[in-house]
Amino acid sequence: MSDNKVSLHRIIKASPEKVYRAFTEAAAIAAWLPPYGFVCIVHDMDVRPGGTFKMSFQNFSTGNSHSFGGEYTDVRPADFLKYTDKFDDPNLPGTIITSVWFQKTLVGTELKVLQEGIPSVIPVEMCYLGWQESLEKLIKLVEPEIPDA
């Protein structure tokens, strides 16, 4: 396993329950997780300890895609989420472990993300930039309060 890791932190003006839902509902995660220039297809998502997921990111410019999947190892709604990731591409070996904390604050949610074991062939700076873009999209998804008509 690689020592490569990224750590991110944001304060989001939305409840921990709403931010957590963005990580655990297939349509929501497909909307915000892929960095700019990529689209996401969620093939399977079973959010529970021992449950698994499978997704693909497609490069919108080239049409090339890479698929990955993993297992949820710790699931505490609106509090903590931990899961593994493995790429299907043998050139991207190893297991990535992602931990996500959702802490209620006066203004919404303190979100912390730690991703460890990023394959050494992926520059950690690129991974960090990708996460920054993803979290920007996450914020744009969860912060608006849009009432039903």
C-alpha atoms as a PDB file:
ATOM      1  CA  MET A   1       0.000   0.000   0.000  1.00  0.00           C
ATOM      2  CA  SER A   2       1.196   3.459  -0.875  1.00  0.00           C
ATOM      3  CA  ASP A   3       1.879   6.115   1.754  1.00  0.00           C
ATOM      4  CA  ASN A   4       0.226   8.696  -0.491  1.00  0.00           C
ATOM      5  CA  LYS A   5      -2.638  10.449   1.249  1.00  0.00           C
ATOM      6  CA  VAL A   6      -4.750  13.585   1.055  1.00  0.00           C
ATOM      7  CA  SER A   7      -6.569  15.368   3.835  1.00  0.00           C
ATOM      8  CA  LEU A   8      -9.311  17.927   3.269  1.00  0.00           C
ATOM      9  CA  HIS A   9     -11.423  20.065   5.546  1.00  0.00           C
ATOM     10  CA  ARG A  10     -14.467  22.257   4.843  1.00  0.00           C
ATOM     11  CA  ILE A  11     -17.225  24.027   6.743  1.00  0.00           C
ATOM     12  CA  ILE A  12     -20.476  23.532   4.843  1.00  0.00           C
ATOM     13  CA  LYS A  13     -23.709  25.471   5.395  1.00  0.00           C
ATOM     14  CA  ALA A  14     -25.903  22.359   5.508  1.00  0.00           C
ATOM     15  CA  SER A  15     -26.814  19.830   8.185  1.00  0.00           C
ATOM     16  CA  PRO A  16     -24.658  16.739   8.753  1.00  0.00           C
ATOM     17  CA  GLU A  17     -27.667  14.640   7.708  1.00  0.00           C
ATOM     18  CA  LYS A  18     -27.875  16.374   4.331  1.00  0.00           C
ATOM     19  CA  VAL A  19     -24.123  16.232   3.694  1.00  0.00           C
ATOM     20  CA  TYR A  20     -24.063  12.551   4.684  1.00  0.00           C
ATOM     21  CA  ARG A  21     -26.922  11.850   2.235  1.00  0.00           C
ATOM     22  CA  ALA A  22     -24.772  13.317  -0.543  1.00  0.00           C
ATOM     23  CA  PHE A  23     -22.190  10.595   0.191  1.00  0.00           C
ATOM     24  CA  THR A  24     -24.706   7.756   0.457  1.00  0.00           C
ATOM     25  CA  GLU A  25     -27.317   8.307  -2.278  1.00  0.00           C
ATOM     26  CA  ALA A  26     -26.282   7.101  -5.737  1.00  0.00           C
ATOM     27  CA  ALA A  27     -27.748   9.995  -7.752  1.00  0.00           C
ATOM     28  CA  ALA A  28     -26.213  12.562  -5.402  1.00  0.00           C
ATOM     29  CA  ILE A  29     -22.707  11.105  -5.356  1.00  0.00           C
ATOM     30  CA  ALA A  30     -22.766  10.756  -9.156  1.00  0.00           C
ATOM     31  CA  ALA A  31     -23.545  14.485  -9.346  1.00  0.00           C
ATOM     32  CA  TRP A  32     -20.665  15.747  -7.216  1.00  0.00           C
ATOM     33  CA  LEU A  33     -17.893  13.154  -6.811  1.00  0.00           C
ATOM     34  CA  PRO A  34     -16.286  13.178 -10.270  1.00  0.00           C
ATOM     35  CA  PRO A  35     -13.910  16.110 -10.798  1.00  0.00           C
ATOM     36  CA  TYR A  36     -14.672  18.601 -13.563  1.00  0.00           C
ATOM     37  CA  GLY A  37     -14.503  16.991 -16.993  1.00  0.00           C
ATOM     38  CA  PHE A  38     -15.701  13.588 -15.785  1.00  0.00           C
ATOM     39  CA  VAL A  39     -19.094  11.946 -15.438  1.00  0.00           C
ATOM     40  CA  CYS A  40     -19.886   9.209 -12.948  1.00  0.00           C
ATOM     41  CA  ILE A  41     -22.019   6.115 -13.264  1.00  0.00           C
ATOM     42  CA  VAL A  42     -22.942   4.340 -10.038  1.00  0.00           C
ATOM     43  CA  HIS A  43     -23.422   0.679 -10.920  1.00  0.00           C
ATOM     44  CA  ASP A  44     -24.155  -0.534  -7.398  1.00  0.00           C
ATOM     45  CA  MET A  45     -24.281   1.041  -3.937  1.00  0.00           C
ATOM     46  CA  ASP A  46     -25.170  -0.741  -0.680  1.00  0.00           C
ATOM     47  CA  VAL A  47     -24.261   1.624   2.171  1.00  0.00           C
ATOM     48  CA  ARG A  48     -23.952  -0.541   5.285  1.00  0.00           C
ATOM     49  CA  PRO A  49     -21.025  -2.169   7.082  1.00  0.00           C
ATOM     50  CA  GLY A  50     -19.862  -4.908   4.724  1.00  0.00           C
ATOM     51  CA  GLY A  51     -21.893  -3.440   1.859  1.00  0.00           C
ATOM     52  CA  THR A  52     -20.180  -2.740  -1.439  1.00  0.00           C
ATOM     53  CA  PHE A  53     -20.222  -0.214  -4.254  1.00  0.00           C
ATOM     54  CA  LYS A  54     -19.115  -0.075  -7.882  1.00  0.00           C
ATOM     55  CA  MET A  55     -18.666   3.117  -9.958  1.00  0.00           C
ATOM     56  CA  SER A  56     -17.074   4.321 -13.178  1.00  0.00           C
ATOM     57  CA  PHE A  57     -15.647   7.739 -14.016  1.00  0.00           C
ATOM     58  CA  GLN A  58     -15.660   8.650 -17.695  1.00  0.00           C
ATOM     59  CA  ASN A  59     -13.406  11.332 -19.166  1.00  0.00           C
ATOM     60  CA  PHE A  60     -15.923  13.438 -21.092  1.00  0.00           C
ATOM     61  CA  SER A  61     -13.260  14.660 -23.564  1.00  0.00           C
ATOM     62  CA  THR A  62     -11.867  11.259 -24.558  1.00  0.00           C
ATOM     63  CA  GLY A  63     -14.657   8.866 -23.618  1.00  0.00           C
ATOM     64  CA  ASN A  64     -12.198   6.682 -21.699  1.00  0.00           C
ATOM     65  CA  SER A  65     -13.355   5.436 -18.336  1.00  0.00           C
ATOM     66  CA  HIS A  66     -11.974   3.726 -15.287  1.00  0.00           C
ATOM     67  CA  SER A  67     -14.007   1.685 -12.876  1.00  0.00           C
ATOM     68  CA  PHE A  68     -13.498   1.068  -9.199  1.00  0.00           C
ATOM     69  CA  GLY A  69     -15.328  -0.355  -6.251  1.00  0.00           C
ATOM     70  CA  GLY A  70     -14.981  -1.124  -2.631  1.00  0.00           C
ATOM     71  CA  GLU A  71     -16.559  -1.952   0.668  1.00  0.00           C
ATOM     72  CA  TYR A  72     -18.080   0.150   3.435  1.00  0.00           C
ATOM     73  CA  THR A  73     -16.250  -0.736   6.649  1.00  0.00           C
ATOM     74  CA  ASP A  74     -17.812   1.769   9.084  1.00  0.00           C
ATOM     75  CA  VAL A  75     -21.161   3.489   8.607  1.00  0.00           C
ATOM     76  CA  ARG A  76     -22.527   5.884  11.236  1.00  0.00           C
ATOM     77  CA  PRO A  77     -25.246   8.065   9.673  1.00  0.00           C
ATOM     78  CA  ALA A  78     -24.515  11.802   9.759  1.00  0.00           C
ATOM     79  CA  ASP A  79     -21.366  11.130  11.829  1.00  0.00           C
ATOM     80  CA  PHE A  80     -18.738   8.964  10.106  1.00  0.00           C
ATOM     81  CA  LEU A  81     -18.207   6.946   6.933  1.00  0.00           C
ATOM     82  CA  LYS A  82     -15.248   4.734   6.049  1.00  0.00           C
ATOM     83  CA  TYR A  83     -14.805   2.723   2.889  1.00  0.00           C
ATOM     84  CA  THR A  84     -12.189   1.047   0.727  1.00  0.00           C
ATOM     85  CA  ASP A  85     -11.556   1.623  -2.980  1.00  0.00           C
ATOM     86  CA  LYS A  86      -9.812  -0.575  -5.526  1.00  0.00           C
ATOM     87  CA  PHE A  87      -9.380   0.286  -9.185  1.00  0.00           C
ATOM     88  CA  ASP A  88     -10.201  -2.448 -11.689  1.00  0.00           C
ATOM     89  CA  ASP A  89      -7.124  -1.393 -13.711  1.00  0.00           C
ATOM     90  CA  PRO A  90      -4.162  -3.580 -12.640  1.00  0.00           C
ATOM     91  CA  ASN A  91      -1.856  -0.602 -13.327  1.00  0.00           C
ATOM     92  CA  LEU A  92      -3.475   1.135 -10.321  1.00  0.00           C
ATOM     93  CA  PRO A  93      -2.789  -1.432  -7.594  1.00  0.00           C
ATOM     94  CA  GLY A  94      -3.549  -1.291  -3.908  1.00  0.00           C
ATOM     95  CA  THR A  95      -6.424  -0.406  -1.657  1.00  0.00           C
ATOM     96  CA  ILE A  96      -7.399   3.170  -0.919  1.00  0.00           C
ATOM     97  CA  ILE A  97      -9.056   3.856   2.438  1.00  0.00           C
ATOM     98  CA  THR A  98     -11.299   6.907   2.718  1.00  0.00           C
ATOM     99  CA  SER A  99     -12.571   8.212   6.067  1.00  0.00           C
ATOM    100  CA  VAL A 100     -15.169  10.991   6.257  1.00  0.00           C
ATOM    101  CA  TRP A 101     -16.226  12.849   9.413  1.00  0.00           C
ATOM    102  CA  PHE A 102     -19.444  14.910   9.638  1.00  0.00           C
ATOM    103  CA  GLN A 103     -19.473  17.176  12.710  1.00  0.00           C
ATOM    104  CA  LYS A 104     -22.424  19.449  13.504  1.00  0.00           C
ATOM    105  CA  THR A 105     -21.420  23.089  13.949  1.00  0.00           C
ATOM    106  CA  LEU A 106     -23.210  26.353  14.654  1.00  0.00           C
ATOM    107  CA  VAL A 107     -23.414  27.062  10.904  1.00  0.00           C
ATOM    108  CA  GLY A 108     -23.835  23.539   9.509  1.00  0.00           C
ATOM    109  CA  THR A 109     -21.254  20.790   9.143  1.00  0.00           C
ATOM    110  CA  GLU A 110     -17.537  20.503   9.614  1.00  0.00           C
ATOM    111  CA  LEU A 111     -16.469  17.965   6.982  1.00  0.00           C
ATOM    112  CA  LYS A 112     -13.119  16.179   7.166  1.00  0.00           C
ATOM    113  CA  VAL A 113     -11.926  13.749   4.512  1.00  0.00           C
ATOM    114  CA  LEU A 114      -8.817  11.576   4.758  1.00  0.00           C
ATOM    115  CA  GLN A 115      -7.886   9.381   1.809  1.00  0.00           C
ATOM    116  CA  GLU A 116      -4.955   7.020   2.357  1.00  0.00           C
ATOM    117  CA  GLY A 117      -3.141   4.515   0.170  1.00  0.00           C
ATOM    118  CA  ILE A 118      -3.460   6.377  -3.126  1.00  0.00           C
ATOM    119  CA  PRO A 119      -1.588   4.338  -5.788  1.00  0.00           C
ATOM    120  CA  SER A 120       1.925   5.715  -6.261  1.00  0.00           C
ATOM    121  CA  VAL A 121       1.346   6.191 -10.009  1.00  0.00           C
ATOM    122  CA  ILE A 122      -1.292   8.852  -9.200  1.00  0.00           C
ATOM    123  CA  PRO A 123       0.378  12.148  -8.258  1.00  0.00           C
ATOM    124  CA  VAL A 124      -0.993  13.093  -4.839  1.00  0.00           C
ATOM    125  CA  GLU A 125      -1.306  16.725  -5.999  1.00  0.00           C
ATOM    126  CA  MET A 126      -3.688  15.636  -8.787  1.00  0.00           C
ATOM    127  CA  CYS A 127      -5.761  13.670  -6.309  1.00  0.00           C
ATOM    128  CA  TYR A 128      -5.902  16.668  -3.988  1.00  0.00           C
ATOM    129  CA  LEU A 129      -6.974  18.977  -6.834  1.00  0.00           C
ATOM    130  CA  GLY A 130      -9.646  16.489  -7.866  1.00  0.00           C
ATOM    131  CA  TRP A 131     -11.004  16.347  -4.320  1.00  0.00           C
ATOM    132  CA  GLN A 132     -11.074  20.163  -4.143  1.00  0.00           C
ATOM    133  CA  GLU A 133     -13.199  20.261  -7.310  1.00  0.00           C
ATOM    134  CA  SER A 134     -15.452  17.509  -5.999  1.00  0.00           C
ATOM    135  CA  LEU A 135     -16.011  19.280  -2.676  1.00  0.00           C
ATOM    136  CA  GLU A 136     -16.821  22.507  -4.530  1.00  0.00           C
ATOM    137  CA  LYS A 137     -19.532  20.579  -6.417  1.00  0.00           C
ATOM    138  CA  LEU A 138     -20.703  18.950  -3.158  1.00  0.00           C
ATOM    139  CA  ILE A 139     -21.167  22.358  -1.548  1.00  0.00           C
ATOM    140  CA  LYS A 140     -23.179  23.584  -4.546  1.00  0.00           C
ATOM    141  CA  LEU A 141     -25.417  20.529  -4.194  1.00  0.00           C
ATOM    142  CA  VAL A 142     -26.079  20.607  -0.442  1.00  0.00           C
ATOM    143  CA  GLU A 143     -26.060  24.276   0.563  1.00  0.00           C
ATOM    144  CA  PRO A 144     -29.098  25.496  -1.412  1.00  0.00           C
ATOM    145  CA  GLU A 145     -32.408  25.189   0.430  1.00  0.00           C
ATOM    146  CA  ILE A 146     -34.959  24.757  -2.350  1.00  0.00           C
ATOM    147  CA  PRO A 147     -38.544  24.321  -1.177  1.00  0.00           C
ATOM    148  CA  ASP A 148     -41.003  22.140  -3.074  1.00  0.00           C
ATOM    149  CA  ALA A 149     -43.518  24.144  -5.091  1.00  0.00           C
END
